[in-house]
C-alpha atoms as a PDB file:
ATOM      1  CA  MET A   1       0.000   0.000   0.001  1.00  0.00           C
ATOM      2  CA  ILE A   2       2.821   2.402   0.884  1.00  0.00           C
ATOM      3  CA  ASP A   3       4.540   1.594  -2.422  1.00  0.00           C
ATOM      4  CA  ILE A   4       1.352   2.428  -4.325  1.00  0.00           C
ATOM      5  CA  ILE A   5       0.968   5.763  -2.529  1.00  0.00           C
ATOM      6  CA  ASP A   6       4.623   6.629  -3.203  1.00  0.00           C
ATOM      7  CA  LEU A   7       4.150   5.727  -6.869  1.00  0.00           C
ATOM      8  CA  ILE A   8       1.141   8.032  -7.169  1.00  0.00           C
ATOM      9  CA  LEU A   9       2.849  10.915  -5.337  1.00  0.00           C
ATOM     10  CA  ASN A  10       5.980  10.665  -7.476  1.00  0.00           C
ATOM     11  CA  THR A  11       4.324  10.109 -10.856  1.00  0.00           C
ATOM     12  CA  PRO A  12       2.603  13.233 -12.281  1.00  0.00           C
ATOM     13  CA  PHE A  13       1.086  11.457 -15.305  1.00  0.00           C
ATOM     14  CA  LEU A  14      -0.459   8.851 -12.982  1.00  0.00           C
ATOM     15  CA  GLN A  15      -1.916  11.625 -10.825  1.00  0.00           C
ATOM     16  CA  ARG A  16      -3.476  13.204 -13.914  1.00  0.00           C
ATOM     17  CA  ALA A  17      -4.861   9.847 -15.018  1.00  0.00           C
ATOM     18  CA  LEU A  18      -6.532   9.212 -11.654  1.00  0.00           C
ATOM     19  CA  ILE A  19      -7.986  12.723 -11.576  1.00  0.00           C
ATOM     20  CA  ALA A  20      -9.319  12.207 -15.094  1.00  0.00           C
ATOM     21  CA  ALA A  21     -10.841   8.875 -14.059  1.00  0.00           C
ATOM     22  CA  LEU A  22     -12.669  10.611 -11.214  1.00  0.00           C
ATOM     23  CA  LEU A  23     -13.933  13.398 -13.485  1.00  0.00           C
ATOM     24  CA  ILE A  24     -15.096  11.028 -16.216  1.00  0.00           C
ATOM     25  CA  ALA A  25     -16.875   8.888 -13.612  1.00  0.00           C
ATOM     26  CA  ILE A  26     -18.782  12.005 -12.513  1.00  0.00           C
ATOM     27  CA  ILE A  27     -19.697  12.791 -16.120  1.00  0.00           C
ATOM     28  CA  ALA A  28     -20.872   9.202 -16.580  1.00  0.00           C
ATOM     29  CA  ALA A  29     -22.969   9.352 -13.403  1.00  0.00           C
ATOM     30  CA  THR A  30     -24.685  12.551 -14.508  1.00  0.00           C
ATOM     31  CA  SER A  31     -24.726  12.859 -18.280  1.00  0.00           C
ATOM     32  CA  GLY A  32     -24.430   9.151 -19.120  1.00  0.00           C
ATOM     33  CA  THR A  33     -27.288   8.216 -16.803  1.00  0.00           C
ATOM     34  CA  PHE A  34     -29.767  10.542 -18.479  1.00  0.00           C
ATOM     35  CA  LEU A  35     -28.667   9.652 -21.997  1.00  0.00           C
ATOM     36  CA  VAL A  36     -29.507   6.025 -21.208  1.00  0.00           C
ATOM     37  CA  PHE A  37     -32.815   7.085 -19.622  1.00  0.00           C
ATOM     38  CA  ARG A  38     -33.607   9.041 -22.796  1.00  0.00           C
ATOM     39  CA  GLY A  39     -32.790   6.036 -24.975  1.00  0.00           C
ATOM     40  CA  LEU A  40     -29.794   7.798 -26.533  1.00  0.00           C
ATOM     41  CA  SER A  41     -26.869   5.580 -25.625  1.00  0.00           C
ATOM     42  CA  PHE A  42     -25.807   5.563 -29.291  1.00  0.00           C
ATOM     43  CA  MET A  43     -25.500   9.352 -29.172  1.00  0.00           C
ATOM     44  CA  THR A  44     -22.335   9.001 -27.096  1.00  0.00           C
ATOM     45  CA  SER A  45     -20.615   7.174 -29.927  1.00  0.00           C
ATOM     46  CA  GLY A  46     -22.010   9.591 -32.517  1.00  0.00           C
ATOM     47  CA  VAL A  47     -20.812  12.659 -30.645  1.00  0.00           C
ATOM     48  CA  ALA A  48     -17.408  11.120 -29.927  1.00  0.00           C
ATOM     49  CA  HIS A  49     -16.838  10.437 -33.616  1.00  0.00           C
ATOM     50  CA  ALA A  50     -18.242  13.828 -34.548  1.00  0.00           C
ATOM     51  CA  ALA A  51     -15.494  15.274 -32.358  1.00  0.00           C
ATOM     52  CA  LEU A  52     -13.031  13.477 -34.627  1.00  0.00           C
ATOM     53  CA  GLY A  53     -14.491  15.248 -37.665  1.00  0.00           C
ATOM     54  CA  GLY A  54     -14.405  18.611 -35.911  1.00  0.00           C
ATOM     55  CA  ALA A  55     -10.806  18.140 -34.848  1.00  0.00           C
ATOM     56  CA  ALA A  56      -9.895  17.201 -38.436  1.00  0.00           C
ATOM     57  CA  LEU A  57     -11.472  20.439 -39.629  1.00  0.00           C
ATOM     58  CA  GLY A  58      -9.439  22.385 -37.077  1.00  0.00           C
ATOM     59  CA  PHE A  59      -6.168  20.798 -38.202  1.00  0.00           C
ATOM     60  CA  PHE A  60      -7.123  21.405 -41.844  1.00  0.00           C
ATOM     61  CA  LEU A  61      -7.854  25.109 -41.316  1.00  0.00           C
ATOM     62  CA  GLN A  62      -4.543  25.483 -39.502  1.00  0.00           C
ATOM     63  CA  ALA A  63      -2.643  23.606 -42.222  1.00  0.00           C
ATOM     64  CA  ILE A  64      -3.907  25.800 -45.069  1.00  0.00           C
ATOM     65  CA  GLY A  65      -3.440  28.961 -43.017  1.00  0.00           C
ATOM     66  CA  LEU A  66      -7.043  30.095 -43.425  1.00  0.00           C
ATOM     67  CA  PHE A  67      -7.845  30.202 -39.699  1.00  0.00           C
ATOM     68  CA  PRO A  68      -4.591  29.431 -37.846  1.00  0.00           C
ATOM     69  CA  TRP A  69      -6.265  30.358 -34.555  1.00  0.00           C
ATOM     70  CA  PHE A  70      -8.968  27.695 -34.954  1.00  0.00           C
ATOM     71  CA  ASP A  71      -8.091  25.097 -32.326  1.00  0.00           C
ATOM     72  CA  PRO A  72      -8.992  21.443 -33.112  1.00  0.00           C
ATOM     73  CA  THR A  73     -10.627  21.181 -29.686  1.00  0.00           C
ATOM     74  CA  LEU A  74     -12.971  24.023 -30.653  1.00  0.00           C
ATOM     75  CA  GLY A  75     -13.812  22.167 -33.859  1.00  0.00           C
ATOM     76  CA  ALA A  76     -14.538  19.031 -31.854  1.00  0.00           C
ATOM     77  CA  ILE A  77     -16.930  20.932 -29.585  1.00  0.00           C
ATOM     78  CA  VAL A  78     -18.679  22.632 -32.525  1.00  0.00           C
ATOM     79  CA  PHE A  79     -19.268  19.340 -34.319  1.00  0.00           C
ATOM     80  CA  ALA A  80     -20.393  17.657 -31.101  1.00  0.00           C
ATOM     81  CA  VAL A  81     -22.933  20.389 -30.394  1.00  0.00           C
ATOM     82  CA  LEU A  82     -24.099  20.218 -34.010  1.00  0.00           C
ATOM     83  CA  VAL A  83     -24.842  16.510 -33.585  1.00  0.00           C
ATOM     84  CA  ALA A  84     -26.713  17.295 -30.368  1.00  0.00           C
ATOM     85  CA  VAL A  85     -28.827  19.973 -32.073  1.00  0.00           C
ATOM     86  CA  ILE A  86     -29.658  17.716 -35.029  1.00  0.00           C
ATOM     87  CA  THR A  87     -30.536  14.895 -32.650  1.00  0.00           C
ATOM     88  CA  GLY A  88     -32.646  17.226 -30.527  1.00  0.00           C
ATOM     89  CA  TYR A  89     -34.514  18.536 -33.553  1.00  0.00           C
ATOM     90  CA  ALA A  90     -35.282  15.004 -34.731  1.00  0.00           C
ATOM     91  CA  GLY A  91     -36.490  14.092 -31.251  1.00  0.00           C
ATOM     92  CA  GLU A  92     -38.834  17.022 -30.623  1.00  0.00           C
ATOM     93  CA  SER A  93     -41.743  14.698 -31.337  1.00  0.00           C
ATOM     94  CA  GLY A  94     -40.613  12.521 -28.449  1.00  0.00           C
ATOM     95  CA  VAL A  95     -39.843   9.504 -30.654  1.00  0.00           C
ATOM     96  CA  ALA A  96     -36.476   8.053 -29.628  1.00  0.00           C
ATOM     97  CA  GLN A  97     -36.099   6.093 -32.871  1.00  0.00           C
ATOM     98  CA  LYS A  98     -35.934   9.319 -34.878  1.00  0.00           C
ATOM     99  CA  MET A  99     -33.130  10.587 -32.641  1.00  0.00           C
ATOM    100  CA  GLU A 100     -31.178   7.366 -33.164  1.00  0.00           C
ATOM    101  CA  VAL A 101     -31.471   7.806 -36.939  1.00  0.00           C
ATOM    102  CA  ALA A 102     -30.306  11.426 -36.672  1.00  0.00           C
ATOM    103  CA  VAL A 103     -27.302  10.319 -34.607  1.00  0.00           C
ATOM    104  CA  GLY A 104     -26.455   7.653 -37.189  1.00  0.00           C
ATOM    105  CA  VAL A 105     -26.589  10.133 -40.075  1.00  0.00           C
ATOM    106  CA  SER A 106     -24.506  12.684 -38.156  1.00  0.00           C
ATOM    107  CA  PHE A 107     -22.034   9.951 -37.247  1.00  0.00           C
ATOM    108  CA  ALA A 108     -21.584   8.978 -40.904  1.00  0.00           C
ATOM    109  CA  LEU A 109     -21.245  12.609 -42.016  1.00  0.00           C
ATOM    110  CA  SER A 110     -18.641  13.473 -39.366  1.00  0.00           C
ATOM    111  CA  MET A 111     -16.518  10.408 -40.070  1.00  0.00           C
ATOM    112  CA  SER A 112     -16.692  11.069 -43.818  1.00  0.00           C
ATOM    113  CA  ILE A 113     -15.487  14.626 -43.270  1.00  0.00           C
ATOM    114  CA  ALA A 114     -12.664  13.363 -41.042  1.00  0.00           C
ATOM    115  CA  VAL A 115     -11.490  10.802 -43.619  1.00  0.00           C
ATOM    116  CA  PHE A 116     -11.733  13.357 -46.436  1.00  0.00           C
ATOM    117  CA  LEU A 117      -9.679  15.995 -44.607  1.00  0.00           C
ATOM    118  CA  MET A 118      -6.981  13.511 -43.542  1.00  0.00           C
ATOM    119  CA  TYR A 119      -5.546  13.668 -47.055  1.00  0.00           C
ATOM    120  CA  TYR A 120      -4.834  17.382 -46.604  1.00  0.00           C
ATOM    121  CA  ILE A 121      -3.540  17.307 -43.014  1.00  0.00           C
ATOM    122  CA  PRO A 122       0.186  16.962 -42.206  1.00  0.00           C
ATOM    123  CA  PRO A 123       1.084  13.358 -41.265  1.00  0.00           C
ATOM    124  CA  ASP A 124       2.113  14.276 -37.728  1.00  0.00           C
ATOM    125  CA  LYS A 125      -1.302  15.843 -37.148  1.00  0.00           C
ATOM    126  CA  VAL A 126      -3.051  12.724 -38.467  1.00  0.00           C
ATOM    127  CA  LEU A 127      -1.480  10.732 -35.643  1.00  0.00           C
ATOM    128  CA  VAL A 128      -2.791  13.269 -33.136  1.00  0.00           C
ATOM    129  CA  LEU A 129      -6.195  13.083 -34.796  1.00  0.00           C
ATOM    130  CA  TRP A 130      -6.375   9.311 -34.378  1.00  0.00           C
ATOM    131  CA  GLY A 131      -5.832   9.898 -30.691  1.00  0.00           C
ATOM    132  CA  TYR A 132      -9.444  11.053 -30.582  1.00  0.00           C
ATOM    133  CA  LEU A 133     -10.423   7.452 -31.310  1.00  0.00           C
ATOM    134  CA  VAL A 134      -8.121   5.352 -29.150  1.00  0.00           C
ATOM    135  CA  GLY A 135      -6.762   7.889 -26.675  1.00  0.00           C
ATOM    136  CA  ASP A 136      -4.741   7.119 -23.580  1.00  0.00           C
ATOM    137  CA  ILE A 137      -5.694   8.339 -20.129  1.00  0.00           C
ATOM    138  CA  LEU A 138      -2.009   8.127 -19.111  1.00  0.00           C
ATOM    139  CA  LEU A 139      -1.075  10.778 -21.702  1.00  0.00           C
ATOM    140  CA  MET A 140      -3.314  13.545 -20.433  1.00  0.00           C
ATOM    141  CA  THR A 141      -1.817  17.018 -20.078  1.00  0.00           C
ATOM    142  CA  ASN A 142      -2.469  19.665 -17.442  1.00  0.00           C
ATOM    143  CA  GLN A 143      -4.563  21.567 -19.983  1.00  0.00           C
ATOM    144  CA  ASP A 144      -6.700  18.474 -20.578  1.00  0.00           C
ATOM    145  CA  ILE A 145      -7.310  18.171 -16.844  1.00  0.00           C
ATOM    146  CA  VAL A 146      -8.263  21.839 -16.488  1.00  0.00           C
ATOM    147  CA  MET A 147     -10.731  21.721 -19.387  1.00  0.00           C
ATOM    148  CA  LEU A 148     -12.195  18.428 -18.208  1.00  0.00           C
ATOM    149  CA  THR A 149     -12.568  19.766 -14.667  1.00  0.00           C
ATOM    150  CA  ILE A 150     -14.436  22.890 -15.812  1.00  0.00           C
ATOM    151  CA  THR A 151     -16.718  20.812 -18.031  1.00  0.00           C
ATOM    152  CA  THR A 152     -17.412  18.262 -15.292  1.00  0.00           C
ATOM    153  CA  ILE A 153     -18.349  20.964 -12.787  1.00  0.00           C
ATOM    154  CA  LEU A 154     -20.644  22.636 -15.335  1.00  0.00           C
ATOM    155  CA  VAL A 155     -22.356  19.411 -16.370  1.00  0.00           C
ATOM    156  CA  ALA A 156     -22.785  18.135 -12.804  1.00  0.00           C
ATOM    157  CA  PHE A 157     -24.162  21.485 -11.610  1.00  0.00           C
ATOM    158  CA  ILE A 158     -26.730  21.799 -14.405  1.00  0.00           C
ATOM    159  CA  ILE A 159     -27.897  18.190 -14.184  1.00  0.00           C
ATOM    160  CA  LEU A 160     -28.220  18.230 -10.397  1.00  0.00           C
ATOM    161  CA  LEU A 161     -30.013  21.592 -10.571  1.00  0.00           C
ATOM    162  CA  PHE A 162     -32.624  20.330 -13.053  1.00  0.00           C
ATOM    163  CA  LYS A 163     -32.572  16.643 -12.126  1.00  0.00           C
ATOM    164  CA  LYS A 164     -36.330  16.308 -11.627  1.00  0.00           C
ATOM    165  CA  GLU A 165     -37.080  18.029 -14.927  1.00  0.00           C
ATOM    166  CA  PHE A 166     -34.543  15.900 -16.791  1.00  0.00           C
ATOM    167  CA  VAL A 167     -36.011  12.724 -15.305  1.00  0.00           C
ATOM    168  CA  TYR A 168     -39.527  13.742 -16.336  1.00  0.00           C
ATOM    169  CA  VAL A 169     -38.474  14.663 -19.868  1.00  0.00           C
ATOM    170  CA  SER A 170     -36.391  11.495 -20.264  1.00  0.00           C
ATOM    171  CA  VAL A 171     -39.088   9.123 -19.021  1.00  0.00           C
ATOM    172  CA  ASP A 172     -42.219  10.798 -20.417  1.00  0.00           C
ATOM    173  CA  TYR A 173     -41.514  13.543 -22.955  1.00  0.00           C
ATOM    174  CA  GLU A 174     -45.100  13.896 -24.170  1.00  0.00           C
ATOM    175  CA  GLY A 175     -46.445  13.857 -20.612  1.00  0.00           C
ATOM    176  CA  SER A 176     -44.078  16.650 -19.575  1.00  0.00           C
ATOM    177  CA  LEU A 177     -45.307  18.732 -22.506  1.00  0.00           C
ATOM    178  CA  ALA A 178     -48.917  18.109 -21.534  1.00  0.00           C
ATOM    179  CA  HIS A 179     -48.220  19.335 -17.986  1.00  0.00           C
ATOM    180  CA  GLY A 180     -46.799  22.624 -19.251  1.00  0.00           C
ATOM    181  CA  LEU A 181     -43.129  21.861 -18.609  1.00  0.00           C
ATOM    182  CA  ASN A 182     -40.640  23.455 -20.990  1.00  0.00           C
ATOM    183  CA  ALA A 183     -39.715  19.982 -22.190  1.00  0.00           C
ATOM    184  CA  ARG A 184     -38.207  21.257 -25.436  1.00  0.00           C
ATOM    185  CA  GLY A 185     -35.771  23.503 -23.584  1.00  0.00           C
ATOM    186  CA  TYR A 186     -34.693  20.786 -21.144  1.00  0.00           C
ATOM    187  CA  HIS A 187     -34.479  18.336 -24.034  1.00  0.00           C
ATOM    188  CA  TYR A 188     -31.944  20.512 -25.856  1.00  0.00           C
ATOM    189  CA  LEU A 189     -30.109  21.491 -22.678  1.00  0.00           C
ATOM    190  CA  ILE A 190     -29.260  17.964 -21.633  1.00  0.00           C
ATOM    191  CA  LEU A 191     -28.183  17.034 -25.171  1.00  0.00           C
ATOM    192  CA  VAL A 192     -25.944  20.083 -25.617  1.00  0.00           C
ATOM    193  CA  ILE A 193     -24.159  19.896 -22.258  1.00  0.00           C
ATOM    194  CA  SER A 194     -23.712  16.144 -22.674  1.00  0.00           C
ATOM    195  CA  SER A 195     -22.224  16.625 -26.137  1.00  0.00           C
ATOM    196  CA  ILE A 196     -19.686  19.163 -24.849  1.00  0.00           C
ATOM    197  CA  ALA A 197     -18.674  16.823 -22.028  1.00  0.00           C
ATOM    198  CA  ILE A 198     -18.327  13.903 -24.432  1.00  0.00           C
ATOM    199  CA  ALA A 199     -16.246  15.968 -26.884  1.00  0.00           C
ATOM    200  CA  LEU A 200     -13.738  17.067 -24.249  1.00  0.00           C
ATOM    201  CA  ALA A 201     -13.601  13.626 -22.658  1.00  0.00           C
ATOM    202  CA  THR A 202     -12.995  12.139 -26.105  1.00  0.00           C
ATOM    203  CA  LYS A 203     -10.113  14.521 -26.679  1.00  0.00           C
ATOM    204  CA  ALA A 204      -8.628  13.420 -23.377  1.00  0.00           C
ATOM    205  CA  VAL A 205      -9.127   9.643 -23.367  1.00  0.00           C
ATOM    206  CA  GLY A 206     -10.483   8.643 -26.781  1.00  0.00           C
ATOM    207  CA  ALA A 207     -13.871   7.717 -28.205  1.00  0.00           C
ATOM    208  CA  ILE A 208     -13.624   4.037 -27.235  1.00  0.00           C
ATOM    209  CA  LEU A 209     -13.174   4.671 -23.518  1.00  0.00           C
ATOM    210  CA  VAL A 210     -15.752   7.464 -23.459  1.00  0.00           C
ATOM    211  CA  TYR A 211     -18.408   5.273 -25.039  1.00  0.00           C
ATOM    212  CA  ALA A 212     -17.622   2.352 -22.704  1.00  0.00           C
ATOM    213  CA  ILE A 213     -17.689   4.479 -19.556  1.00  0.00           C
ATOM    214  CA  LEU A 214     -20.723   6.631 -20.347  1.00  0.00           C
ATOM    215  CA  VAL A 215     -22.986   3.829 -21.585  1.00  0.00           C
ATOM    216  CA  ALA A 216     -22.158   0.442 -20.018  1.00  0.00           C
ATOM    217  CA  PRO A 217     -22.179   1.462 -16.311  1.00  0.00           C
ATOM    218  CA  ALA A 218     -25.384   3.466 -16.802  1.00  0.00           C
ATOM    219  CA  ALA A 219     -27.061   0.535 -18.544  1.00  0.00           C
ATOM    220  CA  ALA A 220     -25.862  -1.868 -15.838  1.00  0.00           C
ATOM    221  CA  SER A 221     -27.111   0.293 -12.973  1.00  0.00           C
ATOM    222  CA  ASN A 222     -30.412   0.896 -14.729  1.00  0.00           C
ATOM    223  CA  GLU A 223     -30.961  -2.869 -14.927  1.00  0.00           C
ATOM    224  CA  THR A 224     -30.408  -3.552 -11.233  1.00  0.00           C
ATOM    225  CA  LEU A 225     -31.237  -0.374  -9.286  1.00  0.00           C
ATOM    226  CA  LYS A 226     -34.587   1.343  -8.891  1.00  0.00           C
ATOM    227  CA  SER A 227     -34.230   5.018  -7.917  1.00  0.00           C
ATOM    228  CA  VAL A 228     -32.465   7.684  -9.979  1.00  0.00           C
ATOM    229  CA  ASN A 229     -30.091   8.549  -7.138  1.00  0.00           C
ATOM    230  CA  LYS A 230     -29.061   4.915  -6.686  1.00  0.00           C
ATOM    231  CA  VAL A 231     -28.524   4.535 -10.427  1.00  0.00           C
ATOM    232  CA  MET A 232     -26.266   7.596 -10.514  1.00  0.00           C
ATOM    233  CA  ILE A 233     -24.239   6.359  -7.532  1.00  0.00           C
ATOM    234  CA  GLY A 234     -23.970   2.916  -9.116  1.00  0.00           C
ATOM    235  CA  VAL A 235     -22.741   4.413 -12.393  1.00  0.00           C
ATOM    236  CA  PHE A 236     -20.130   6.475 -10.578  1.00  0.00           C
ATOM    237  CA  ILE A 237     -18.781   3.466  -8.659  1.00  0.00           C
ATOM    238  CA  ILE A 238     -18.642   1.156 -11.690  1.00  0.00           C
ATOM    239  CA  ALA A 239     -17.036   3.788 -13.915  1.00  0.00           C
ATOM    240  CA  LEU A 240     -14.438   4.779 -11.332  1.00  0.00           C
ATOM    241  CA  VAL A 241     -13.510   1.231 -10.306  1.00  0.00           C
ATOM    242  CA  ALA A 242     -13.219   0.079 -13.935  1.00  0.00           C
ATOM    243  CA  GLN A 243     -10.919   2.969 -14.795  1.00  0.00           C
ATOM    244  CA  VAL A 244      -8.715   2.605 -11.707  1.00  0.00           C
ATOM    245  CA  ILE A 245      -8.306  -1.127 -12.319  1.00  0.00           C
ATOM    246  CA  GLY A 246      -7.476  -0.387 -15.961  1.00  0.00           C
ATOM    247  CA  ILE A 247      -4.826   2.144 -14.977  1.00  0.00           C
ATOM    248  CA  MET A 248      -3.269  -0.076 -12.313  1.00  0.00           C
ATOM    249  CA  THR A 249      -3.284  -3.138 -14.584  1.00  0.00           C
ATOM    250  CA  SER A 250      -1.311  -1.224 -17.217  1.00  0.00           C
ATOM    251  CA  PHE A 251       1.505  -0.899 -14.675  1.00  0.00           C
ATOM    252  CA  ILE A 252       1.629  -4.658 -14.108  1.00  0.00           C
ATOM    253  CA  VAL A 253       1.259  -5.973 -17.658  1.00  0.00           C
ATOM    254  CA  PRO A 254       1.827  -4.242 -21.029  1.00  0.00           C
ATOM    255  CA  VAL A 255      -1.785  -3.505 -21.886  1.00  0.00           C
ATOM    256  CA  SER A 256      -3.826  -0.427 -22.710  1.00  0.00           C
ATOM    257  CA  PRO A 257      -5.730   0.941 -19.682  1.00  0.00           C
ATOM    258  CA  SER A 258      -8.582   1.916 -22.003  1.00  0.00           C
ATOM    259  CA  ALA A 259      -8.927  -1.670 -23.183  1.00  0.00           C
ATOM    260  CA  ILE A 260      -9.129  -3.073 -19.649  1.00  0.00           C
ATOM    261  CA  THR A 261     -11.565  -0.339 -18.622  1.00  0.00           C
ATOM    262  CA  GLY A 262     -13.798  -1.007 -21.620  1.00  0.00           C
ATOM    263  CA  ILE A 263     -13.845  -4.749 -20.955  1.00  0.00           C
ATOM    264  CA  LEU A 264     -14.716  -4.281 -17.274  1.00  0.00           C
ATOM    265  CA  ALA A 265     -17.440  -1.758 -18.085  1.00  0.00           C
ATOM    266  CA  ALA A 266     -18.992  -4.130 -20.628  1.00  0.00           C
ATOM    267  CA  LEU A 267     -18.803  -7.014 -18.164  1.00  0.00           C
ATOM    268  CA  SER A 268     -20.669  -4.935 -15.586  1.00  0.00           C
ATOM    269  CA  TYR A 269     -23.638  -4.776 -17.964  1.00  0.00           C
ATOM    270  CA  ILE A 270     -23.531  -8.516 -18.689  1.00  0.00           C
ATOM    271  CA  ILE A 271     -23.421  -9.261 -14.947  1.00  0.00           C
ATOM    272  CA  ALA A 272     -26.300  -6.836 -14.349  1.00  0.00           C
ATOM    273  CA  LEU A 273     -28.426  -8.681 -16.917  1.00  0.00           C
ATOM    274  CA  GLN A 274     -27.767 -11.960 -15.120  1.00  0.00           C
ATOM    275  CA  ILE A 275     -28.666 -10.416 -11.758  1.00  0.00           C
ATOM    276  CA  ARG A 276     -31.917  -9.118 -13.201  1.00  0.00           C
ATOM    277  CA  LYS A 277     -32.818 -12.552 -14.606  1.00  0.00           C
ATOM    278  CA  ILE A 278     -32.133 -14.195 -11.255  1.00  0.00           C
ATOM    279  CA  ARG A 279     -34.318 -11.619  -9.500  1.00  0.00           C
ATOM    280  CA  GLU A 280     -37.143 -12.201 -11.966  1.00  0.00           C
ATOM    281  CA  LYS A 281     -37.002 -15.959 -11.417  1.00  0.00           C
ATOM    282  CA  VAL A 282     -37.017 -15.484  -7.639  1.00  0.00           C
ATOM    283  CA  ASN A 283     -39.961 -13.081  -7.839  1.00  0.00           C
ATOM    284  CA  GLU A 284     -41.847 -15.505 -10.072  1.00  0.00           C
ATOM    285  CA  GLY A 285     -41.267 -18.306  -7.585  1.00  0.00           C
ATOM    286  CA  ILE A 286     -42.484 -16.399  -4.510  1.00  0.00           C
ATOM    287  CA  PRO A 287     -46.211 -16.299  -5.498  1.00  0.00           C
ATOM    288  CA  GLU A 288     -46.109 -20.038  -6.226  1.00  0.00           C
ATOM    289  CA  VAL A 289     -44.671 -20.791  -2.781  1.00  0.00           C
ATOM    290  CA  ILE A 290     -47.281 -18.589  -1.106  1.00  0.00           C
ATOM    291  CA  HIS A 291     -50.048 -20.304  -3.086  1.00  0.00           C
ATOM    292  CA  GLN A 292     -48.816 -23.780  -2.068  1.00  0.00           C
ATOM    293  CA  GLU A 293     -48.569 -22.795   1.600  1.00  0.00           C
ATOM    294  CA  THR A 294     -52.092 -21.343   1.493  1.00  0.00           C
ATOM    295  CA  THR A 295     -53.419 -24.529  -0.110  1.00  0.00           C
ATOM    296  CA  ASN A 296     -51.770 -26.693   2.536  1.00  0.00           C
ATOM    297  CA  ILE A 297     -53.303 -24.601   5.323  1.00  0.00           C
ATOM    298  CA  GLU A 298     -56.757 -24.952   3.778  1.00  0.00           C
END
C-alpha cells in the first residue's frame, strides 16, 4: 500500500490519469445516466466520432493557413454540439427512434469529413487526430485536466439543478409537454451539455473509452437499481472502479488501460443482466410458494 501511494505521489502522469478517471466517472454518473434514460446511448458514440471530424477540420484550417487560430478542440466541440442539435430537432416529437437515426446520419457525415480531410492534413497531425479514437488516459496534459474539470463541474451542476425536470423529460416527454413543462428547452439542454462533455472527454481519453464508460455502467445500474439517485451512484462506482483497475493493470502488464476499462465496463452490464434474470425468477417463484402454503393450510 505504501509503495502504491509513493508511486502516485511521485508520478505526475499517474496523478493526472486518476484525476481524469474521477472526473469522467462524474460525467458518466450525470450525463451518461440521463442519456440512457432518454434512450440515446448511441449518441455518445455519434458525438465522440463527430469530435473526430471537428478536430480534423481544425487541423485542416490550420494547415492551409485560413484560420490558424482555430483550435482542433474548438472544432470538436462545434461538431459535437451540431450533432446534439440535429438529434434534438429530430427528437422534438418525443420519438427516440428518430433521434437514433439522426445520430447515425450525423455519425456517418462526421466520419466522412474526417477521412476526407486527412488527405490534406500533415502526417504528424493525423497521428494526433487518431488519438481522438483510441486515446490514452495516461497521456493527459495539465490543460486536458483543467478543461475536463471545468466541463465536469458545469455538467454536474446543471444536471443536479434540473434533475427532476430531466427525469420527467427522459421518461415521459409527451407527458411533460402536456403538464406545461418546458420539455423542449430541457431536451436541448441535456443534449448540448452532454455533447460538450463527451467531446472534451474524447479529446482526453479517446472515443472508445468514453463510449464504454458513459454507456455500459449506466445501462448496468439501470438494470439492477430502482431510484435515480441509486442509479447515478452505481454508475459512478462502476465507472471509477473500472478505470482505476485499468490504470493499475497497465503498470503490471503491457496492456492499454482503455482496453481493460472497456472490458470491465462491458462485463458490468452482462453481470447486471444476469442479476436481473435471477431476480425475476425469484420473484416468479415467490407467489407459487405462497399459493402452495395457502393450499396446505386450507
